[in-house]
């Protein structure tokens, strides 16, 4: 094979290896977010400390808790005002309760599972819009525990059961819409994301092929191309992530906070992928430098 042809193919393979690595890292992240609990916990967990959320959450929980109680327990008219006051106080007190963190984690996990199940259903039914629905049920259950503890020994406390069964209470974020990301598109991307291991393996094979195909004195340049391509792709992802904000949603202040946090988390995940590419790019450039130094120090061995 002519040297020019082998050099060109080697460079193409090196660039393809970087693209495959970037796709593999992104696919692995998407697959883990939908199919495993930890990534979404990492993304949504910090929202529990958001001051804006902590200001609006008690009223959201109070309204939902009032509905759950009045639907299950007949409350005398004379005690309804007392109940409303107690619910307001207990919903606010929940934010400082040790059980709040566990309830918040369960809420996030229920949200992830619901979205995954609805995507599976959409694949069977042909439905094109599946939106994220934030499940308040674990938080309502925790708020009820705080309420019951605060009413212990009172007339109202004796009327209320020790626990109540709270069905899923979904707050629809109305995002993503079918125009933004349809269910069929999401399912196609997830099917692709499931092959993230093959993409990373392909990246390794392509890079090995590029180095083996390149003429002996050209391998350092192949490594330079590899490192440069990795750094360029990392820069593109950083720029794209910086623009991923202000996602438009229709709904309450709570839904906007949830979607904004998802966008913040997506930027962080893109930054993690970029960091991995930067590390790989720097390693490739250092390897190229080492190859160049070795060639200068060993001209006889190469000759």
Protein backbone atom coordinates (compact mmCIF):
# COMPACT_ATOMS: atom_id res chain seq x y z
CA UNK A 1 0.00 0.00 0.00
CA UNK A 2 1.44 3.43 -0.91
CA UNK A 3 2.62 5.42 2.08
CA UNK A 4 0.31 8.35 1.31
CA UNK A 5 -2.74 6.10 1.29
CA UNK A 6 -1.80 4.36 4.54
CA UNK A 7 -1.17 7.72 6.22
CA UNK A 8 -4.55 9.07 5.10
CA UNK A 9 -6.40 5.96 6.25
CA UNK A 10 -4.56 6.02 9.59
CA UNK A 11 -5.63 9.63 10.21
CA UNK A 12 -9.25 8.86 9.27
CA UNK A 13 -9.27 5.88 11.61
CA UNK A 14 -7.85 8.01 14.43
CA UNK A 15 -10.58 10.63 14.02
CA UNK A 16 -13.25 7.92 13.88
CA UNK A 17 -11.81 6.41 17.07
CA UNK A 18 -12.29 9.73 18.89
CA UNK A 19 -15.85 10.08 17.59
CA UNK A 20 -16.67 6.51 18.64
CA UNK A 21 -15.21 7.18 22.10
CA UNK A 22 -17.29 10.36 22.48
CA UNK A 23 -20.45 8.57 21.35
CA UNK A 24 -19.70 5.64 23.65
CA UNK A 25 -19.25 7.89 26.69
CA UNK A 26 -22.44 9.80 25.89
CA UNK A 27 -24.38 6.59 25.26
CA UNK A 28 -23.20 5.11 28.56
CA UNK A 29 -24.37 8.23 30.43
CA UNK A 30 -27.81 8.21 28.76
CA UNK A 31 -28.25 4.49 29.40
CA UNK A 32 -27.34 4.83 33.06
CA UNK A 33 -29.62 7.85 33.64
CA UNK A 34 -32.67 5.96 32.40
CA UNK A 35 -31.86 2.45 33.61
CA UNK A 36 -29.99 2.90 36.90
CA UNK A 37 -30.88 5.01 39.98
CA UNK A 38 -27.57 6.69 40.80
CA UNK A 39 -27.10 9.24 37.96
CA UNK A 40 -30.54 10.87 38.35
CA UNK A 41 -30.04 10.94 42.12
CA UNK A 42 -26.78 12.79 41.49
CA UNK A 43 -28.51 15.23 39.15
CA UNK A 44 -31.73 15.88 41.07
CA UNK A 45 -30.49 15.39 44.64
CA UNK A 46 -29.06 18.92 45.05
CA UNK A 47 -32.44 20.45 44.18
CA UNK A 48 -33.60 19.54 47.70
CA UNK A 49 -31.35 22.32 49.02
CA UNK A 50 -32.62 24.92 46.53
CA UNK A 51 -34.06 27.86 48.47
CA UNK A 52 -36.72 28.51 45.86
CA UNK A 53 -37.91 24.92 46.03
CA UNK A 54 -37.94 24.94 49.82
CA UNK A 55 -40.10 28.06 49.69
CA UNK A 56 -42.78 26.57 47.42
CA UNK A 57 -42.70 22.88 48.37
CA UNK A 58 -44.60 23.20 51.70
CA UNK A 59 -47.64 24.73 49.97
CA UNK A 60 -47.54 22.05 47.23
CA UNK A 61 -47.33 19.27 49.81
CA UNK A 62 -49.92 20.90 52.07
CA UNK A 63 -52.52 21.07 49.31
CA UNK A 64 -51.87 17.47 48.24
CA UNK A 65 -51.86 16.21 51.84
CA UNK A 66 -55.16 17.96 52.59
CA UNK A 67 -56.73 16.23 49.59
CA UNK A 68 -55.41 12.83 50.65
CA UNK A 69 -56.67 13.18 54.24
CA UNK A 70 -60.12 14.57 53.44
CA UNK A 71 -60.66 11.85 50.85
CA UNK A 72 -59.93 9.13 53.39
CA UNK A 73 -60.98 10.46 56.81
CA UNK A 74 -64.21 12.33 57.69
CA UNK A 75 -63.04 15.43 59.56
CA UNK A 76 -65.62 17.35 61.68
CA UNK A 77 -66.18 20.90 60.46
CA UNK A 78 -65.02 22.29 63.80
CA UNK A 79 -61.60 20.68 63.35
CA UNK A 80 -61.04 21.50 59.69
CA UNK A 81 -59.36 24.82 60.47
CA UNK A 82 -57.11 23.13 63.03
CA UNK A 83 -56.21 20.46 60.46
CA UNK A 84 -55.30 23.04 57.81
CA UNK A 85 -53.05 24.90 60.25
CA UNK A 86 -51.39 21.68 61.38
CA UNK A 87 -50.82 20.57 57.78
CA UNK A 88 -49.22 23.91 56.90
CA UNK A 89 -46.85 23.67 59.86
CA UNK A 90 -45.97 20.00 59.35
CA UNK A 91 -45.31 20.48 55.61
CA UNK A 92 -42.83 23.23 56.44
CA UNK A 93 -41.32 21.20 59.29
CA UNK A 94 -40.75 18.25 56.95
CA UNK A 95 -37.89 20.14 55.28
CA UNK A 96 -35.91 19.89 58.52
CA UNK A 97 -37.01 16.34 59.29
CA UNK A 98 -34.40 13.53 58.97
CA UNK A 99 -36.85 11.60 56.81
CA UNK A 100 -36.99 14.30 54.15
CA UNK A 101 -33.79 13.18 52.41
CA UNK A 102 -34.99 9.59 52.07
CA UNK A 103 -38.39 10.73 50.79
CA UNK A 104 -36.71 12.99 48.27
CA UNK A 105 -34.54 10.13 46.99
CA UNK A 106 -37.63 7.93 46.61
CA UNK A 107 -39.41 10.70 44.72
CA UNK A 108 -36.52 10.92 42.25
CA UNK A 109 -36.41 7.14 41.79
CA UNK A 110 -40.18 6.94 41.25
CA UNK A 111 -39.90 9.68 38.65
CA UNK A 112 -37.18 7.77 36.78
CA UNK A 113 -39.10 4.50 36.86
CA UNK A 114 -42.33 6.12 35.69
CA UNK A 115 -40.59 7.71 32.72
CA UNK A 116 -38.88 4.44 31.77
CA UNK A 117 -42.15 2.48 32.01
CA UNK A 118 -44.04 5.06 29.97
CA UNK A 119 -41.38 4.94 27.26
CA UNK A 120 -41.81 1.17 27.08
CA UNK A 121 -45.58 1.60 26.84
CA UNK A 122 -45.16 4.22 24.12
CA UNK A 123 -43.07 1.77 22.09
CA UNK A 124 -45.99 -0.68 22.19
CA UNK A 125 -48.83 1.80 21.64
CA UNK A 126 -47.21 4.28 19.27
CA UNK A 127 -47.74 7.23 21.63
CA UNK A 128 -45.44 10.09 20.64
CA UNK A 129 -45.28 12.22 23.79
CA UNK A 130 -43.93 11.00 27.11
CA UNK A 131 -43.16 13.71 29.64
CA UNK A 132 -41.38 13.58 32.98
CA UNK A 133 -43.78 13.32 35.90
CA UNK A 134 -42.51 14.23 39.36
CA UNK A 135 -44.06 11.90 41.97
CA UNK A 136 -44.90 13.68 45.24
CA UNK A 137 -46.30 10.59 46.98
CA UNK A 138 -43.17 9.78 49.07
CA UNK A 139 -42.97 13.41 50.23
CA UNK A 140 -46.69 13.46 51.09
CA UNK A 141 -46.28 10.24 53.09
CA UNK A 142 -43.35 11.74 54.97
CA UNK A 143 -45.30 14.95 55.60
CA UNK A 144 -48.18 12.91 56.99
CA UNK A 145 -45.79 11.22 59.41
CA UNK A 146 -44.61 14.64 60.58
CA UNK A 147 -48.24 15.79 60.90
CA UNK A 148 -49.34 12.77 62.91
CA UNK A 149 -46.40 13.11 65.27
CA UNK A 150 -47.25 16.78 65.86
CA UNK A 151 -50.89 15.92 66.71
CA UNK A 152 -50.10 13.08 69.11
CA UNK A 153 -52.45 13.13 72.10
CA UNK A 154 -54.89 15.63 70.56
CA UNK A 155 -58.48 15.01 69.47
CA UNK A 156 -57.50 15.43 65.82
CA UNK A 157 -54.56 13.10 66.30
CA UNK A 158 -56.90 10.37 67.56
CA UNK A 159 -59.14 10.82 64.52
CA UNK A 160 -56.32 10.33 62.05
CA UNK A 161 -54.93 6.84 61.32
CA UNK A 162 -51.33 6.05 62.13
CA UNK A 163 -50.46 5.90 58.43
CA UNK A 164 -52.26 6.50 55.16
CA UNK A 165 -51.76 4.85 51.80
CA UNK A 166 -50.80 7.55 49.29
CA UNK A 167 -51.16 6.65 45.61
CA UNK A 168 -48.79 8.22 43.05
CA UNK A 169 -49.33 11.98 42.94
CA UNK A 170 -47.77 13.06 39.65
CA UNK A 171 -46.80 16.62 38.82
CA UNK A 172 -46.39 16.69 35.04
CA UNK A 173 -43.45 18.82 33.93
CA UNK A 174 -44.85 18.94 30.37
CA UNK A 175 -41.30 18.28 29.17
CA UNK A 176 -40.02 17.02 26.84
CA UNK A 177 -42.77 17.71 24.32
CA UNK A 178 -43.21 15.57 21.21
CA UNK A 179 -41.59 18.39 19.20
CA UNK A 180 -38.57 18.51 21.50
CA UNK A 181 -38.02 14.77 21.94
CA UNK A 182 -40.73 12.39 20.86
CA UNK A 183 -41.15 9.03 22.56
CA UNK A 184 -40.11 7.16 19.41
CA UNK A 185 -36.93 9.24 19.14
CA UNK A 186 -36.16 8.70 22.83
CA UNK A 187 -36.60 4.94 22.42
CA UNK A 188 -34.34 4.89 19.35
CA UNK A 189 -31.64 6.80 21.21
CA UNK A 190 -31.92 4.48 24.21
CA UNK A 191 -31.63 1.42 21.98
CA UNK A 192 -28.48 2.98 20.55
CA UNK A 193 -27.24 3.90 24.05
CA UNK A 194 -27.50 0.27 25.14
CA UNK A 195 -24.59 -0.47 22.77
CA UNK A 196 -22.22 1.92 24.57
CA UNK A 197 -19.77 -0.89 25.39
CA UNK A 198 -19.45 -1.81 21.70
CA UNK A 199 -18.80 1.82 20.81
CA UNK A 200 -15.95 2.10 23.31
CA UNK A 201 -14.54 -1.22 22.09
CA UNK A 202 -14.79 0.05 18.50
CA UNK A 203 -12.89 3.18 19.50
CA UNK A 204 -10.04 1.07 20.88
CA UNK A 205 -9.97 -1.12 17.76
CA UNK A 206 -10.00 1.89 15.43
CA UNK A 207 -7.14 3.57 17.28
CA UNK A 208 -5.12 0.35 17.28
CA UNK A 209 -5.78 -0.03 13.55
CA UNK A 210 -4.67 3.55 12.92
CA UNK A 211 -1.37 3.00 14.77
CA UNK A 212 -0.71 -0.34 13.11
CA UNK A 213 -1.51 0.94 9.62
CA UNK A 214 0.53 4.12 9.93
CA UNK A 215 4.15 3.94 8.74
CA UNK A 216 6.56 3.64 11.64
CA UNK A 217 7.74 7.24 11.49
CA UNK A 218 4.19 8.57 11.14
CA UNK A 219 2.67 7.15 14.32
CA UNK A 220 3.57 10.19 16.38
CA UNK A 221 1.53 12.35 14.03
CA UNK A 222 -1.39 9.95 14.27
CA UNK A 223 -1.27 10.41 18.05
CA UNK A 224 -1.19 14.20 17.58
CA UNK A 225 -4.30 13.98 15.38
CA UNK A 226 -5.98 11.75 17.97
CA UNK A 227 -5.21 14.14 20.81
CA UNK A 228 -6.24 17.19 18.81
CA UNK A 229 -9.53 15.58 17.75
CA UNK A 230 -10.31 14.60 21.36
CA UNK A 231 -9.66 18.14 22.61
CA UNK A 232 -11.74 19.63 19.79
CA UNK A 233 -14.67 17.31 20.52
CA UNK A 234 -14.42 18.18 24.22
CA UNK A 235 -14.58 21.90 23.36
CA UNK A 236 -17.68 21.33 21.20
CA UNK A 237 -19.42 19.50 24.05
CA UNK A 238 -18.54 22.26 26.52
CA UNK A 239 -19.96 24.92 24.19
CA UNK A 240 -23.11 22.86 23.59
CA UNK A 241 -23.56 22.30 27.33
CA UNK A 242 -23.19 26.02 28.08
CA UNK A 243 -26.20 26.68 25.84
CA UNK A 244 -28.34 24.01 27.47
CA UNK A 245 -30.38 26.20 29.78
CA UNK A 246 -33.68 28.01 29.94
CA UNK A 247 -35.69 25.07 28.62
CA UNK A 248 -39.25 26.32 28.06
CA UNK A 249 -41.95 24.47 30.00
CA UNK A 250 -45.63 25.06 30.65
CA UNK A 251 -46.64 24.55 34.24
CA UNK A 252 -46.02 25.59 37.80
CA UNK A 253 -42.95 27.05 39.42
CA UNK A 254 -42.17 23.56 40.73
CA UNK A 255 -42.08 22.05 37.24
CA UNK A 256 -39.80 24.84 36.01
CA UNK A 257 -37.39 24.19 38.89
CA UNK A 258 -37.34 20.46 38.12
CA UNK A 259 -36.63 21.01 34.41
CA UNK A 260 -33.98 23.64 35.14
CA UNK A 261 -32.24 21.20 37.49
CA UNK A 262 -32.33 18.54 34.79
CA UNK A 263 -30.66 20.99 32.39
CA UNK A 264 -28.02 21.79 35.01
CA UNK A 265 -27.41 18.08 35.53
CA UNK A 266 -27.15 17.49 31.79
CA UNK A 267 -24.49 20.20 31.56
CA UNK A 268 -22.57 18.52 34.39
CA UNK A 269 -22.75 15.13 32.64
CA UNK A 270 -21.51 16.68 29.39
CA UNK A 271 -18.68 18.26 31.35
CA UNK A 272 -17.73 14.84 32.73
CA UNK A 273 -17.60 13.44 29.20
CA UNK A 274 -15.55 16.43 28.09
CA UNK A 275 -13.14 15.90 30.97
CA UNK A 276 -12.64 12.27 29.94
CA UNK A 277 -11.93 13.37 26.35
CA UNK A 278 -9.52 16.05 27.56
CA UNK A 279 -7.62 13.50 29.64
CA UNK A 280 -7.48 11.11 26.68
CA UNK A 281 -6.38 13.91 24.36
CA UNK A 282 -3.60 15.02 26.68
CA UNK A 283 -2.41 11.42 27.07
CA UNK A 284 -2.30 11.01 23.29
CA UNK A 285 -0.34 14.26 22.87
CA UNK A 286 2.10 13.23 25.61
CA UNK A 287 2.52 9.86 23.92
CA UNK A 288 3.25 11.67 20.64
CA UNK A 289 5.82 13.83 22.42
CA UNK A 290 7.40 10.75 23.97
CA UNK A 291 7.57 9.10 20.54
CA UNK A 292 9.26 12.17 19.05
CA UNK A 293 11.82 12.33 21.89
CA UNK A 294 12.55 8.62 21.58
CA UNK A 295 13.10 8.96 17.84
CA UNK A 296 15.55 11.79 18.37
CA UNK A 297 17.42 9.83 21.03
CA UNK A 298 17.52 6.57 19.03
CA UNK A 299 18.19 7.45 15.39
CA UNK A 300 20.42 4.39 14.86
CA UNK A 301 17.80 1.95 16.16
CA UNK A 302 15.23 3.47 13.81
CA UNK A 303 17.66 3.40 10.87
